[in-house]
Amino acid sequence: MKFFRFPENQPYPFSLGELLKQQLFWLLLLRIVLYSLIMLVSLLLLDERFEAIVMPPSLLVLFTLIVYLATIVSAFTLMQSQGEYRRFGFIQTLFDAVFASMLVYLTGGSQSIFSSVYFFPIIAGGLLIPMKGGLIGAAASTLLYALILGLEIFNYLPDYVLFSSSFHTLDLFNSSHQFATKGLTFFLAAFISALFGSMLRSTTKELSSTQLEFGRLSQLYKEIFDNIATGIITIDGSQVITSANNATVSITGLPFLDMVGRQLSEIFPEINVTSESFRNACDFKRLDNQKIRLGYALTSLNQSLDNDASLKADPKENITIITLKDIGEIERLENQMRQAEKLAAIGMMSASIAHDFRNPLAAISGSAQILAEEFSDKTDTQDPNYQLTKIIVRESDRLANTITNFLRFARPENIDREWFQLAPCLKDILQVSRADQRWPATCEVTIKLEPNFRVRGDEKQLFSVISQLVQNAVPFCTKGTEHVEISGSYRKLSHNREIAEITISDNGKGVNPIEVNKIFEPFYTTRPNGTGLGLAIVKQTIEAHNGSISVKKSTMGGACFVLRLPHPDDNNTDES
């Protein structure tokens, strides 16, 4: 398929001036042909058997050379000219009228067999320059013919004409009749040629404009076809690939020339061209041996315009358009969405079940505590019944704590943001932590922050976050030399944004680099008695505050958790 593109500053592919210039060249060529044929006919009529008035050979050759020379000069002038083609056309029309008059005068005047040559400048002028050109040609031809008739009345004709046996002198009446007849004929021819010239000019404009629009549409089609992100292939009725766009080349990895002209089944063996489904899929192996999942749709275009059922349409005219798209990522996302929907349903059901477990579990724990108190009053604490009861109490508390964490993760609490000082909050955290029996007496906690260091957020939730990180750090510290450091500072990022940064560091063994991206995932834990929800809840809470959490290696050798909380006007916490 060819695509045409024309200059945008022209209303159609060729301007009227250029079109008229080409037509003028054709006029000059036809003049040469016409007078060459006249010369040959004149040479044949020199035979005495023909009763016709012709020019002597020498005069005939001279006349023909004059016409040739004038035509050659006109052609060179036309080639050098850059405009004024209408004026040039008028001049050539007058030249042709003069040449026709000379021919008629030299071949018998009113009795010349070449008087019909007058129609050449009339018709040519009407076609080249509608109406005006034809009228000028008709007027010039009529006046020159009248001049010839006048000269004929007074016998001002060449001697070989006057003494020719075929010449008969006309009187004034017959000359007037000849003038009227020829003049009317000339002007009638002028009007007819002008009519056809106008129609030709109008048709040329419409055709040129249509061709321009077709060229623009073709160019637009080509640009859309080549730049659209969806792969497009067209096949004919024989299932031979006739075209393919750039997206198809990108999707398949096959060069354009390796696809066009080959059978569809050779390139895409799993595409079913008889499928009527709007959504089809198949596997495809690229040139680099990578397997991808292709989605495709088919649209048939029957280009046969013949409604006669008796005539067999060319099967190559039945075009099928096949659109291709790599749907591997789409299918993966769809599977993820389905899986997420399942997990969401399971999560809601699990949260409901966990909520229903809390009351029976509270009853079990309360009953076990009562039994433990009774056993401790009546028997020795080493009694097996007492020990079993304590196990029930301990595991019930652990299970209740797990259910609480699970519900906090599944149903996050609303955030009540307000400014508060972090130092008092940290003191409360340490007080609660040290009251726990599992807190080691050798653990040292260092707090480094300004007395008026404040953050904006939900104090209750951030209390739980920092408490979780502190209690999570202690078990990983070296026993007997546990050290945890909590610090806070303000940091300015790009665009003059400011955040509050809180770090919790320890002197433990740190986080394995392989596990850095996993420790915040739900239910992932490396501790034997861990639930895997602690750090997941921490991350969820910080992100709900429009903040972020990360982990890196501490200067003390262990892990360093960094919390970043934005100021009220900052909603984006990414570092510069």
Protein backbone atom coordinates (compact mmCIF):
# COMPACT_ATOMS: atom_id res chain seq x y z
CA MET A 1 0.00 0.00 0.00
CA LYS A 2 1.32 3.41 -0.97
CA PHE A 3 0.78 6.47 1.12
CA PHE A 4 0.77 9.90 -0.49
CA ARG A 5 1.77 13.08 1.20
CA PHE A 6 1.39 16.48 -0.41
CA PRO A 7 2.49 19.96 0.59
CA GLU A 8 0.12 21.40 3.15
CA ASN A 9 0.21 24.89 1.62
CA GLN A 10 -1.60 23.71 -1.52
CA PRO A 11 -5.37 23.08 -1.60
CA TYR A 12 -4.79 20.08 -3.88
CA PRO A 13 -1.77 18.08 -5.01
CA PHE A 14 -0.98 20.27 -8.06
CA SER A 15 -1.82 24.00 -8.12
CA LEU A 16 -3.91 25.36 -10.99
CA GLY A 17 -0.86 27.21 -12.29
CA GLU A 18 1.18 24.02 -12.52
CA LEU A 19 -1.74 22.20 -14.10
CA LEU A 20 -2.18 24.97 -16.70
CA LYS A 21 1.55 24.85 -17.42
CA GLN A 22 1.39 21.15 -18.16
CA GLN A 23 -1.63 21.67 -20.40
CA LEU A 24 0.20 24.41 -22.32
CA PHE A 25 3.05 22.00 -23.02
CA TRP A 26 0.50 19.56 -24.39
CA LEU A 27 -0.93 22.36 -26.56
CA LEU A 28 2.49 23.08 -28.08
CA LEU A 29 3.05 19.39 -28.71
CA LEU A 30 -0.34 19.01 -30.39
CA ARG A 31 0.43 22.06 -32.56
CA ILE A 32 3.57 20.34 -33.84
CA VAL A 33 1.64 17.15 -34.52
CA LEU A 34 -1.21 18.99 -36.26
CA TYR A 35 0.93 21.01 -38.63
CA SER A 36 3.15 18.04 -39.34
CA LEU A 37 0.09 16.10 -40.44
CA ILE A 38 -1.07 19.09 -42.51
CA MET A 39 2.31 19.17 -44.24
CA LEU A 40 2.08 15.47 -45.08
CA VAL A 41 -1.48 15.85 -46.39
CA SER A 42 -0.44 18.85 -48.49
CA LEU A 43 2.43 16.91 -50.01
CA LEU A 44 0.03 14.14 -50.98
CA LEU A 45 -2.43 16.62 -52.51
CA LEU A 46 0.26 18.03 -54.83
CA ASP A 47 -0.62 15.21 -57.16
CA GLU A 48 -2.61 16.59 -60.15
CA ARG A 49 -5.24 13.92 -59.66
CA PHE A 50 -6.49 15.82 -56.61
CA GLU A 51 -8.40 19.03 -57.22
CA ALA A 52 -7.30 20.92 -54.13
CA ILE A 53 -5.49 24.17 -53.57
CA VAL A 54 -2.23 23.58 -51.70
CA MET A 55 0.93 25.56 -51.13
CA PRO A 56 3.98 24.98 -53.29
CA PRO A 57 6.49 22.68 -51.62
CA SER A 58 8.99 25.43 -50.85
CA LEU A 59 6.33 27.65 -49.30
CA LEU A 60 4.86 24.68 -47.43
CA VAL A 61 8.23 23.85 -45.89
CA LEU A 62 8.84 27.49 -45.00
CA PHE A 63 5.42 27.81 -43.37
CA THR A 64 5.95 24.60 -41.39
CA LEU A 65 9.38 25.76 -40.22
CA ILE A 66 7.86 29.04 -39.03
CA VAL A 67 5.29 27.13 -36.99
CA TYR A 68 8.00 24.84 -35.59
CA LEU A 69 10.29 27.73 -34.70
CA ALA A 70 7.49 29.69 -33.00
CA THR A 71 6.50 26.58 -31.04
CA ILE A 72 10.07 25.89 -29.91
CA VAL A 73 10.52 29.49 -28.76
CA SER A 74 7.20 29.31 -26.90
CA ALA A 75 8.23 26.07 -25.20
CA PHE A 76 11.52 27.55 -23.94
CA THR A 77 9.69 30.67 -22.77
CA LEU A 78 7.18 28.52 -20.91
CA MET A 79 9.96 26.53 -19.23
CA GLN A 80 11.63 29.70 -17.97
CA SER A 81 8.44 31.41 -16.78
CA GLN A 82 7.39 31.24 -13.13
CA GLY A 83 3.82 32.48 -13.49
CA GLU A 84 1.43 34.41 -15.72
CA TYR A 85 0.43 31.15 -17.39
CA ARG A 86 -3.02 32.51 -18.27
CA ARG A 87 -1.49 35.39 -20.24
CA PHE A 88 0.81 32.92 -21.97
CA GLY A 89 -2.24 30.79 -22.81
CA PHE A 90 -4.04 33.79 -24.35
CA ILE A 91 -0.97 34.60 -26.48
CA GLN A 92 -0.69 31.00 -27.71
CA THR A 93 -4.38 30.99 -28.61
CA LEU A 94 -3.82 34.10 -30.73
CA PHE A 95 -0.74 32.50 -32.34
CA ASP A 96 -2.78 29.43 -33.28
CA ALA A 97 -5.50 31.65 -34.73
CA VAL A 98 -2.86 33.49 -36.80
CA PHE A 99 -1.27 30.22 -37.97
CA ALA A 100 -4.69 28.87 -38.96
CA SER A 101 -5.46 32.09 -40.86
CA MET A 102 -2.12 31.95 -42.68
CA LEU A 103 -2.82 28.36 -43.66
CA VAL A 104 -6.31 29.19 -44.91
CA TYR A 105 -5.09 32.28 -46.79
CA LEU A 106 -2.29 30.33 -48.50
CA THR A 107 -4.56 27.40 -49.42
CA GLY A 108 -7.51 29.12 -51.11
CA GLY A 109 -9.19 31.43 -48.61
CA SER A 110 -12.90 30.61 -48.36
CA GLN A 111 -12.32 27.53 -50.52
CA SER A 112 -9.45 26.17 -48.39
CA ILE A 113 -9.77 22.54 -47.34
CA PHE A 114 -8.00 23.44 -44.05
CA SER A 115 -10.53 25.99 -42.72
CA SER A 116 -11.48 23.54 -39.95
CA VAL A 117 -8.04 24.20 -38.40
CA TYR A 118 -9.67 27.29 -36.85
CA PHE A 119 -11.31 24.98 -34.34
CA PHE A 120 -7.91 24.07 -32.85
CA PRO A 121 -7.24 27.45 -31.13
CA ILE A 122 -10.93 27.82 -30.23
CA ILE A 123 -11.28 24.43 -28.55
CA ALA A 124 -7.80 24.56 -26.99
CA GLY A 125 -8.44 28.04 -25.60
CA GLY A 126 -11.81 26.99 -24.17
CA LEU A 127 -10.31 23.97 -22.47
CA LEU A 128 -7.23 25.74 -21.13
CA ILE A 129 -8.91 28.96 -20.00
CA PRO A 130 -12.65 28.27 -19.76
CA MET A 131 -14.90 30.86 -21.43
CA LYS A 132 -12.33 33.65 -21.90
CA GLY A 133 -9.83 31.51 -23.80
CA GLY A 134 -12.47 30.07 -26.10
CA LEU A 135 -14.08 33.47 -26.74
CA ILE A 136 -10.73 35.07 -27.56
CA GLY A 137 -9.93 32.21 -29.94
CA ALA A 138 -13.38 32.48 -31.58
CA ALA A 139 -13.20 36.27 -31.87
CA ALA A 140 -9.67 36.23 -33.30
CA SER A 141 -10.53 33.46 -35.74
CA THR A 142 -13.70 35.25 -36.88
CA LEU A 143 -11.95 38.58 -37.44
CA LEU A 144 -9.01 37.00 -39.26
CA TYR A 145 -11.35 34.95 -41.41
CA ALA A 146 -13.27 38.14 -42.25
CA LEU A 147 -9.96 39.73 -43.25
CA ILE A 148 -9.23 36.79 -45.54
CA LEU A 149 -12.68 37.07 -47.12
CA GLY A 150 -12.11 40.79 -47.69
CA LEU A 151 -8.77 40.14 -49.36
CA GLU A 152 -10.43 37.46 -51.45
CA ILE A 153 -13.13 39.87 -52.70
CA PHE A 154 -10.44 42.25 -53.92
CA ASN A 155 -8.35 39.33 -55.31
CA TYR A 156 -5.46 39.88 -52.89
CA LEU A 157 -4.55 36.18 -52.84
CA PRO A 158 -1.41 34.36 -54.00
CA ASP A 159 -1.14 33.90 -57.78
CA TYR A 160 -1.15 30.11 -57.58
CA VAL A 161 -4.50 30.38 -55.83
CA LEU A 162 -6.06 32.84 -58.28
CA PHE A 163 -4.99 30.83 -61.32
CA SER A 164 -5.94 27.48 -59.83
CA SER A 165 -8.74 25.64 -61.62
CA SER A 166 -10.31 24.85 -58.25
CA PHE A 167 -10.67 28.51 -57.23
CA HIS A 168 -13.93 30.39 -57.83
CA THR A 169 -14.38 34.02 -56.92
CA LEU A 170 -17.15 34.72 -54.43
CA ASP A 171 -19.39 37.73 -54.51
CA LEU A 172 -20.21 39.90 -51.49
CA PHE A 173 -23.36 37.96 -50.64
CA ASN A 174 -21.65 34.57 -50.59
CA SER A 175 -18.74 36.01 -48.65
CA SER A 176 -21.13 37.42 -46.05
CA HIS A 177 -22.84 34.04 -45.84
CA GLN A 178 -19.47 32.34 -45.34
CA PHE A 179 -18.53 34.88 -42.66
CA ALA A 180 -21.82 34.49 -40.77
CA THR A 181 -21.74 30.69 -40.93
CA LYS A 182 -18.13 30.39 -39.85
CA GLY A 183 -18.48 33.04 -37.14
CA LEU A 184 -21.51 31.38 -35.56
CA THR A 185 -19.79 28.02 -35.74
CA PHE A 186 -16.66 29.42 -34.14
CA PHE A 187 -18.54 30.98 -31.21
CA LEU A 188 -20.69 27.88 -30.76
CA ALA A 189 -17.51 25.80 -30.54
CA ALA A 190 -16.12 28.36 -28.07
CA PHE A 191 -19.14 28.02 -25.78
CA ILE A 192 -19.09 24.22 -25.94
CA SER A 193 -15.35 24.05 -25.27
CA ALA A 194 -15.74 26.56 -22.42
CA LEU A 195 -18.46 24.37 -20.91
CA PHE A 196 -16.29 21.29 -21.08
CA GLY A 197 -13.29 23.29 -19.85
CA SER A 198 -15.21 24.47 -16.79
CA MET A 199 -16.36 20.94 -16.07
CA LEU A 200 -12.81 19.67 -16.50
CA ARG A 201 -11.45 22.36 -14.16
CA SER A 202 -14.12 21.62 -11.53
CA THR A 203 -13.51 17.88 -11.82
CA THR A 204 -9.77 18.42 -11.51
CA LYS A 205 -10.26 20.44 -8.33
CA GLU A 206 -12.55 17.84 -6.79
CA LEU A 207 -10.27 14.99 -7.81
CA SER A 208 -7.19 16.75 -6.49
CA SER A 209 -8.94 17.62 -3.22
CA THR A 210 -10.17 14.03 -2.88
CA GLN A 211 -6.70 12.74 -3.60
CA LEU A 212 -5.28 15.04 -0.94
CA GLU A 213 -7.83 13.87 1.62
CA PHE A 214 -7.10 10.30 0.67
CA GLY A 215 -3.40 10.93 1.10
CA ARG A 216 -3.94 12.51 4.51
CA LEU A 217 -6.23 9.69 5.63
CA SER A 218 -3.73 7.16 4.33
CA GLN A 219 -0.93 8.87 6.23
CA LEU A 220 -3.07 9.05 9.37
CA TYR A 221 -3.98 5.39 8.99
CA LYS A 222 -0.34 4.46 8.57
CA GLU A 223 0.72 6.44 11.65
CA ILE A 224 -2.07 4.94 13.76
CA PHE A 225 -1.36 1.47 12.39
CA ASP A 226 2.36 1.74 13.13
CA ASN A 227 2.16 3.49 16.52
CA ILE A 228 -0.79 1.81 18.22
CA ALA A 229 0.25 -0.30 21.20
CA THR A 230 -1.93 -3.23 20.15
CA GLY A 231 -0.51 -5.63 17.59
CA ILE A 232 -2.50 -5.74 14.34
CA ILE A 233 -2.20 -8.37 11.62
CA THR A 234 -4.25 -8.64 8.43
CA ILE A 235 -4.66 -11.89 6.52
CA ASP A 236 -6.44 -12.62 3.25
CA GLY A 237 -8.87 -15.43 2.50
CA SER A 238 -5.97 -17.84 2.05
CA GLN A 239 -4.75 -16.97 5.57
CA VAL A 240 -1.62 -15.34 4.21
CA ILE A 241 -0.32 -12.44 6.31
CA THR A 242 -0.63 -9.24 4.27
CA SER A 243 0.47 -6.64 6.83
CA ALA A 244 1.68 -6.26 10.41
CA ASN A 245 2.36 -3.16 12.52
CA ASN A 246 5.29 -2.25 14.73
CA ALA A 247 3.53 -3.45 17.89
CA THR A 248 3.28 -6.94 16.39
CA VAL A 249 7.01 -6.90 15.70
CA SER A 250 7.66 -5.81 19.31
CA ILE A 251 5.32 -8.43 20.81
CA THR A 252 6.48 -11.37 18.73
CA GLY A 253 10.13 -10.40 18.26
CA LEU A 254 9.83 -11.33 14.57
CA PRO A 255 11.03 -8.94 11.84
CA PHE A 256 8.34 -7.47 9.60
CA LEU A 257 9.63 -9.16 6.45
CA ASP A 258 9.63 -12.56 8.17
CA MET A 259 5.86 -12.35 8.70
CA VAL A 260 4.37 -10.72 5.59
CA GLY A 261 3.68 -13.21 2.81
CA ARG A 262 3.74 -16.30 5.04
CA GLN A 263 0.89 -18.46 6.23
CA LEU A 264 -0.61 -17.46 9.57
CA SER A 265 -0.31 -21.02 10.86
CA GLU A 266 3.47 -20.91 10.33
CA ILE A 267 3.90 -17.92 12.63
CA PHE A 268 0.94 -18.35 15.02
CA PRO A 269 0.04 -22.05 14.98
CA GLU A 270 -2.33 -21.80 17.96
CA ILE A 271 -4.51 -18.96 16.65
CA ASN A 272 -7.96 -20.27 15.71
CA VAL A 273 -9.28 -18.10 12.85
CA THR A 274 -12.72 -19.76 13.04
CA SER A 275 -13.31 -18.66 16.63
CA GLU A 276 -16.32 -16.38 17.12
CA SER A 277 -15.38 -15.40 20.66
CA PHE A 278 -14.51 -11.79 21.42
CA ARG A 279 -11.76 -12.88 23.77
CA ASN A 280 -9.29 -15.59 22.81
CA ALA A 281 -5.91 -16.55 24.21
CA CYS A 282 -3.05 -18.78 23.18
CA ASP A 283 0.58 -19.46 24.01
CA PHE A 284 3.31 -18.10 21.76
CA LYS A 285 7.03 -18.76 21.64
CA ARG A 286 9.06 -15.70 20.68
CA LEU A 287 12.15 -15.72 18.54
CA ASP A 288 14.25 -15.50 21.72
CA ASN A 289 12.51 -18.69 23.01
CA GLN A 290 10.56 -16.70 25.59
CA LYS A 291 7.04 -18.02 26.07
CA ILE A 292 4.30 -15.41 26.34
CA ARG A 293 0.54 -15.44 26.61
CA LEU A 294 -1.23 -13.79 23.69
CA GLY A 295 -4.78 -12.47 23.69
CA TYR A 296 -6.33 -12.02 20.26
CA ALA A 297 -9.58 -11.02 18.58
CA LEU A 298 -10.70 -11.47 14.97
CA THR A 299 -12.73 -9.20 12.70
CA SER A 300 -13.67 -10.22 9.15
CA LEU A 301 -13.99 -7.68 6.33
CA ASN A 302 -15.60 -8.93 3.11
CA GLN A 303 -14.32 -6.53 0.47
CA SER A 304 -16.28 -8.07 -2.41
CA LEU A 305 -18.85 -5.57 -3.69
CA ASP A 306 -20.38 -7.98 -6.20
CA ASN A 307 -23.87 -9.01 -5.09
CA ASP A 308 -24.24 -11.57 -7.85
CA ALA A 309 -24.12 -14.91 -6.10
CA SER A 310 -23.34 -16.63 -9.37
CA LEU A 311 -19.93 -14.96 -9.52
CA LYS A 312 -17.26 -16.34 -7.25
CA ALA A 313 -15.45 -13.71 -5.25
CA ASP A 314 -11.70 -13.80 -5.06
CA PRO A 315 -10.85 -15.35 -1.67
CA LYS A 316 -7.96 -12.90 -1.35
CA GLU A 317 -10.53 -10.10 -1.05
CA ASN A 318 -11.82 -11.53 2.26
CA ILE A 319 -9.64 -9.73 4.76
CA THR A 320 -9.44 -10.70 8.43
CA ILE A 321 -7.99 -8.34 11.02
CA ILE A 322 -6.34 -9.95 14.04
CA THR A 323 -5.49 -7.84 17.07
CA LEU A 324 -2.80 -9.14 19.42
CA LYS A 325 -1.83 -8.22 22.96
CA ASP A 326 0.54 -9.71 25.50
CA ILE A 327 -1.87 -10.58 28.30
CA GLY A 328 0.59 -12.43 30.51
CA GLU A 329 0.77 -9.55 32.99
CA ILE A 330 -3.01 -9.01 32.79
CA GLU A 331 -3.72 -12.65 33.58
CA ARG A 332 -1.21 -12.52 36.43
CA LEU A 333 -2.95 -9.45 37.87
CA GLU A 334 -6.34 -11.09 37.44
CA ASN A 335 -5.10 -14.12 39.34
CA GLN A 336 -3.72 -11.84 42.03
CA MET A 337 -7.06 -10.06 42.28
CA ARG A 338 -8.92 -13.34 42.57
CA GLN A 339 -6.43 -14.51 45.17
CA ALA A 340 -6.73 -11.19 47.02
CA GLU A 341 -10.51 -11.51 47.00
CA LYS A 342 -10.21 -15.02 48.41
CA LEU A 343 -7.76 -13.85 51.06
CA ALA A 344 -10.01 -10.92 51.91
CA ALA A 345 -12.94 -13.28 52.33
CA ILE A 346 -10.81 -15.63 54.41
CA GLY A 347 -9.54 -12.67 56.44
CA MET A 348 -13.04 -11.47 57.21
CA MET A 349 -14.12 -14.97 58.14
CA SER A 350 -10.98 -15.49 60.24
CA ALA A 351 -11.49 -12.18 62.03
CA SER A 352 -15.07 -13.18 62.81
CA ILE A 353 -13.92 -16.59 64.07
CA ALA A 354 -11.11 -15.04 66.12
CA HIS A 355 -13.57 -12.61 67.65
CA ASP A 356 -15.86 -15.49 68.56
CA PHE A 357 -12.93 -17.34 70.17
CA ARG A 358 -12.20 -14.53 72.62
CA ASN A 359 -15.18 -15.13 74.93
CA PRO A 360 -14.70 -18.90 75.31
CA LEU A 361 -10.96 -18.34 75.69
CA ALA A 362 -11.58 -15.74 78.40
CA ALA A 363 -13.82 -18.21 80.22
CA ILE A 364 -11.16 -20.95 79.98
CA SER A 365 -8.43 -18.61 81.19
CA GLY A 366 -10.56 -17.31 84.08
CA SER A 367 -11.55 -20.82 85.17
CA ALA A 368 -7.94 -22.00 85.01
CA GLN A 369 -6.79 -19.05 87.15
CA ILE A 370 -9.40 -19.90 89.81
CA LEU A 371 -8.27 -23.54 89.80
CA ALA A 372 -4.65 -22.48 90.09
CA GLU A 373 -5.42 -20.34 93.14
CA GLU A 374 -7.28 -23.21 94.80
CA PHE A 375 -4.48 -25.65 94.04
CA SER A 376 -1.87 -23.23 95.38
CA ASP A 377 -3.77 -22.87 98.71
CA LYS A 378 -4.36 -26.57 99.27
CA THR A 379 -1.29 -28.28 97.81
CA ASP A 380 2.31 -27.79 97.00
CA THR A 381 3.12 -25.69 93.92
CA GLN A 382 4.91 -28.74 92.53
CA ASP A 383 1.68 -30.64 92.31
CA PRO A 384 1.06 -31.83 88.71
CA ASN A 385 -2.51 -30.48 88.71
CA TYR A 386 -1.24 -27.07 89.68
CA GLN A 387 1.43 -27.14 86.95
CA LEU A 388 -1.09 -28.22 84.31
CA THR A 389 -3.42 -25.43 85.35
CA LYS A 390 -0.60 -22.87 85.06
CA ILE A 391 0.14 -24.20 81.55
CA ILE A 392 -3.52 -23.66 80.64
CA VAL A 393 -3.38 -20.08 81.97
CA ARG A 394 -0.10 -19.31 80.19
CA GLU A 395 -1.14 -20.72 76.81
CA SER A 396 -4.57 -19.11 77.06
CA ASP A 397 -2.90 -15.73 77.61
CA ARG A 398 -0.58 -16.34 74.63
CA LEU A 399 -3.49 -17.38 72.45
CA ALA A 400 -5.51 -14.34 73.58
CA ASN A 401 -2.56 -12.10 72.74
CA THR A 402 -2.28 -13.72 69.29
CA ILE A 403 -6.00 -13.19 68.65
CA THR A 404 -5.70 -9.56 69.74
CA ASN A 405 -2.81 -8.98 67.35
CA PHE A 406 -4.65 -10.71 64.55
CA LEU A 407 -7.73 -8.54 65.05
CA ARG A 408 -5.59 -5.41 65.19
CA PHE A 409 -4.03 -6.39 61.85
CA ALA A 410 -7.33 -7.40 60.23
CA ARG A 411 -9.30 -4.41 61.55
CA PRO A 412 -6.99 -1.42 62.03
CA GLU A 413 -8.14 1.18 64.50
CA ASN A 414 -8.99 4.73 63.48
CA ILE A 415 -6.17 7.24 63.87
CA ASP A 416 -6.66 10.16 66.23
CA ARG A 417 -3.80 12.50 65.30
CA GLU A 418 -2.50 15.07 67.74
CA TRP A 419 0.81 16.61 68.78
CA PHE A 420 2.46 14.99 71.81
CA GLN A 421 5.90 14.90 73.39
CA LEU A 422 7.74 11.66 72.79
CA ALA A 423 9.87 11.62 75.98
CA PRO A 424 6.99 10.95 78.45
CA CYS A 425 5.65 8.29 76.08
CA LEU A 426 9.04 6.52 76.05
CA LYS A 427 9.21 6.59 79.86
CA ASP A 428 5.81 4.89 80.06
CA ILE A 429 6.97 2.29 77.53
CA LEU A 430 10.07 1.47 79.60
CA GLN A 431 8.06 1.33 82.81
CA VAL A 432 5.61 -1.18 81.34
CA SER A 433 8.41 -3.19 79.73
CA ARG A 434 10.45 -3.48 82.94
CA ALA A 435 7.38 -4.66 84.81
CA ASP A 436 7.28 -7.70 82.55
CA GLN A 437 8.85 -10.77 84.16
CA ARG A 438 10.63 -11.62 80.88
CA TRP A 439 12.47 -8.28 80.81
CA PRO A 440 16.16 -8.87 81.63
CA ALA A 441 17.54 -6.88 84.54
CA THR A 442 20.81 -6.34 82.65
CA CYS A 443 19.13 -4.54 79.76
CA GLU A 444 20.21 -0.92 79.32
CA VAL A 445 18.03 1.53 77.39
CA THR A 446 19.43 4.88 76.21
CA ILE A 447 17.17 7.70 75.09
CA LYS A 448 18.64 10.45 72.92
CA LEU A 449 16.24 13.22 72.04
CA GLU A 450 15.48 16.80 72.91
CA PRO A 451 13.09 17.33 75.85
CA ASN A 452 10.58 19.12 73.64
CA PHE A 453 10.82 16.68 70.74
CA ARG A 454 7.27 16.25 69.49
CA VAL A 455 5.55 14.17 66.84
CA ARG A 456 2.06 14.25 65.43
CA GLY A 457 0.05 11.03 65.43
CA ASP A 458 -2.07 8.70 67.50
CA GLU A 459 -0.17 8.47 70.81
CA LYS A 460 -1.79 5.18 71.78
CA GLN A 461 -0.90 3.49 68.49
CA LEU A 462 2.64 4.89 68.37
CA PHE A 463 3.06 3.71 71.99
CA SER A 464 2.27 0.18 70.79
CA VAL A 465 4.59 0.53 67.79
CA ILE A 466 7.67 1.63 69.75
CA SER A 467 6.90 -0.83 72.54
CA GLN A 468 6.70 -3.65 70.00
CA LEU A 469 10.04 -2.66 68.45
CA VAL A 470 11.77 -2.40 71.85
CA GLN A 471 10.43 -5.72 73.09
CA ASN A 472 11.25 -7.29 69.75
CA ALA A 473 14.88 -6.06 69.95
CA VAL A 474 15.72 -7.31 73.47
CA PRO A 475 15.54 -11.10 72.77
CA PHE A 476 18.07 -10.71 69.95
CA CYS A 477 20.63 -8.87 72.11
CA THR A 478 23.58 -10.60 73.70
CA LYS A 479 22.49 -11.91 77.12
CA GLY A 480 23.96 -9.98 80.01
CA THR A 481 24.93 -6.96 77.86
CA GLU A 482 21.61 -6.02 76.30
CA HIS A 483 21.62 -2.46 75.00
CA VAL A 484 18.81 -0.62 73.20
CA GLU A 485 19.06 2.98 72.02
CA ILE A 486 16.09 5.22 71.11
CA SER A 487 16.72 8.54 69.39
CA GLY A 488 14.67 11.19 67.65
CA SER A 489 15.44 14.11 65.34
CA TYR A 490 13.97 16.29 62.65
CA ARG A 491 15.12 16.02 59.06
CA LYS A 492 14.58 18.31 56.12
CA LEU A 493 13.98 16.71 52.75
CA SER A 494 13.59 18.18 49.29
CA HIS A 495 11.21 21.10 48.70
CA ASN A 496 11.74 22.19 52.34
CA ARG A 497 9.69 19.29 53.66
CA GLU A 498 10.39 18.18 57.23
CA ILE A 499 9.85 14.83 58.91
CA ALA A 500 10.31 13.43 62.41
CA GLU A 501 12.69 10.46 62.45
CA ILE A 502 12.71 7.94 65.32
CA THR A 503 15.31 5.16 65.46
CA ILE A 504 15.38 2.06 67.69
CA SER A 505 18.79 0.36 67.63
CA ASP A 506 20.21 -2.64 69.46
CA ASN A 507 23.51 -4.47 69.85
CA GLY A 508 22.17 -7.84 68.73
CA LYS A 509 23.10 -9.87 65.68
CA GLY A 510 21.08 -7.72 63.28
CA VAL A 511 18.73 -8.72 60.48
CA ASN A 512 19.82 -11.15 57.81
CA PRO A 513 19.93 -9.21 54.48
CA ILE A 514 17.94 -12.01 52.86
CA GLU A 515 15.13 -11.48 55.39
CA VAL A 516 14.98 -7.65 55.19
CA ASN A 517 12.10 -7.71 52.68
CA LYS A 518 10.26 -10.49 54.53
CA ILE A 519 10.22 -9.44 58.18
CA PHE A 520 7.30 -7.06 57.63
CA GLU A 521 5.18 -9.71 55.93
CA PRO A 522 2.26 -11.09 57.96
CA PHE A 523 2.93 -14.39 59.78
CA TYR A 524 6.63 -14.39 58.91
CA THR A 525 8.77 -14.98 62.01
CA THR A 526 12.12 -16.45 63.00
CA ARG A 527 11.23 -16.83 66.69
CA PRO A 528 9.91 -20.20 67.94
CA ASN A 529 7.04 -18.62 69.88
CA GLY A 530 6.43 -15.67 67.52
CA THR A 531 3.20 -15.07 65.65
CA GLY A 532 4.69 -13.06 62.75
CA LEU A 533 2.18 -10.23 63.24
CA GLY A 534 4.15 -7.81 65.39
CA LEU A 535 6.25 -6.11 62.68
CA ALA A 536 3.39 -6.40 60.17
CA ILE A 537 1.17 -4.41 62.55
CA VAL A 538 3.99 -1.90 63.09
CA LYS A 539 4.38 -1.34 59.33
CA GLN A 540 0.62 -1.09 58.86
CA THR A 541 0.29 1.49 61.63
CA ILE A 542 3.18 3.66 60.42
CA GLU A 543 1.90 3.64 56.83
CA ALA A 544 -1.56 4.60 58.12
CA HIS A 545 0.18 7.68 59.56
CA ASN A 546 1.51 8.43 56.01
CA GLY A 547 4.94 7.48 57.28
CA SER A 548 7.44 4.76 56.50
CA ILE A 549 9.59 2.21 58.30
CA SER A 550 12.88 0.68 57.23
CA VAL A 551 15.60 -1.43 58.77
CA LYS A 552 19.34 -1.19 58.44
CA LYS A 553 22.46 -2.17 60.35
CA SER A 554 22.98 -0.38 63.63
CA THR A 555 26.20 1.36 64.62
CA MET A 556 26.16 -0.96 67.64
CA GLY A 557 26.23 -3.97 65.34
CA GLY A 558 22.61 -5.00 65.58
CA ALA A 559 19.43 -3.88 63.84
CA CYS A 560 18.27 -0.30 63.48
CA PHE A 561 14.57 0.35 62.77
CA VAL A 562 13.90 3.85 61.38
CA LEU A 563 10.43 5.39 61.68
CA ARG A 564 9.65 8.46 59.59
CA LEU A 565 6.56 10.51 60.38
CA PRO A 566 5.61 13.53 58.25
CA HIS A 567 4.65 16.92 59.52
CA PRO A 568 0.98 17.93 58.98
CA ASP A 569 1.59 19.52 55.56
CA ASP A 570 3.66 16.61 54.25
CA ASN A 571 1.91 13.59 52.81
CA ASN A 572 4.86 12.12 50.99
CA THR A 573 7.67 10.68 53.09
CA ASP A 574 10.07 9.53 50.38
CA GLU A 575 13.54 10.79 50.96
CA SER A 576 15.28 12.99 48.50
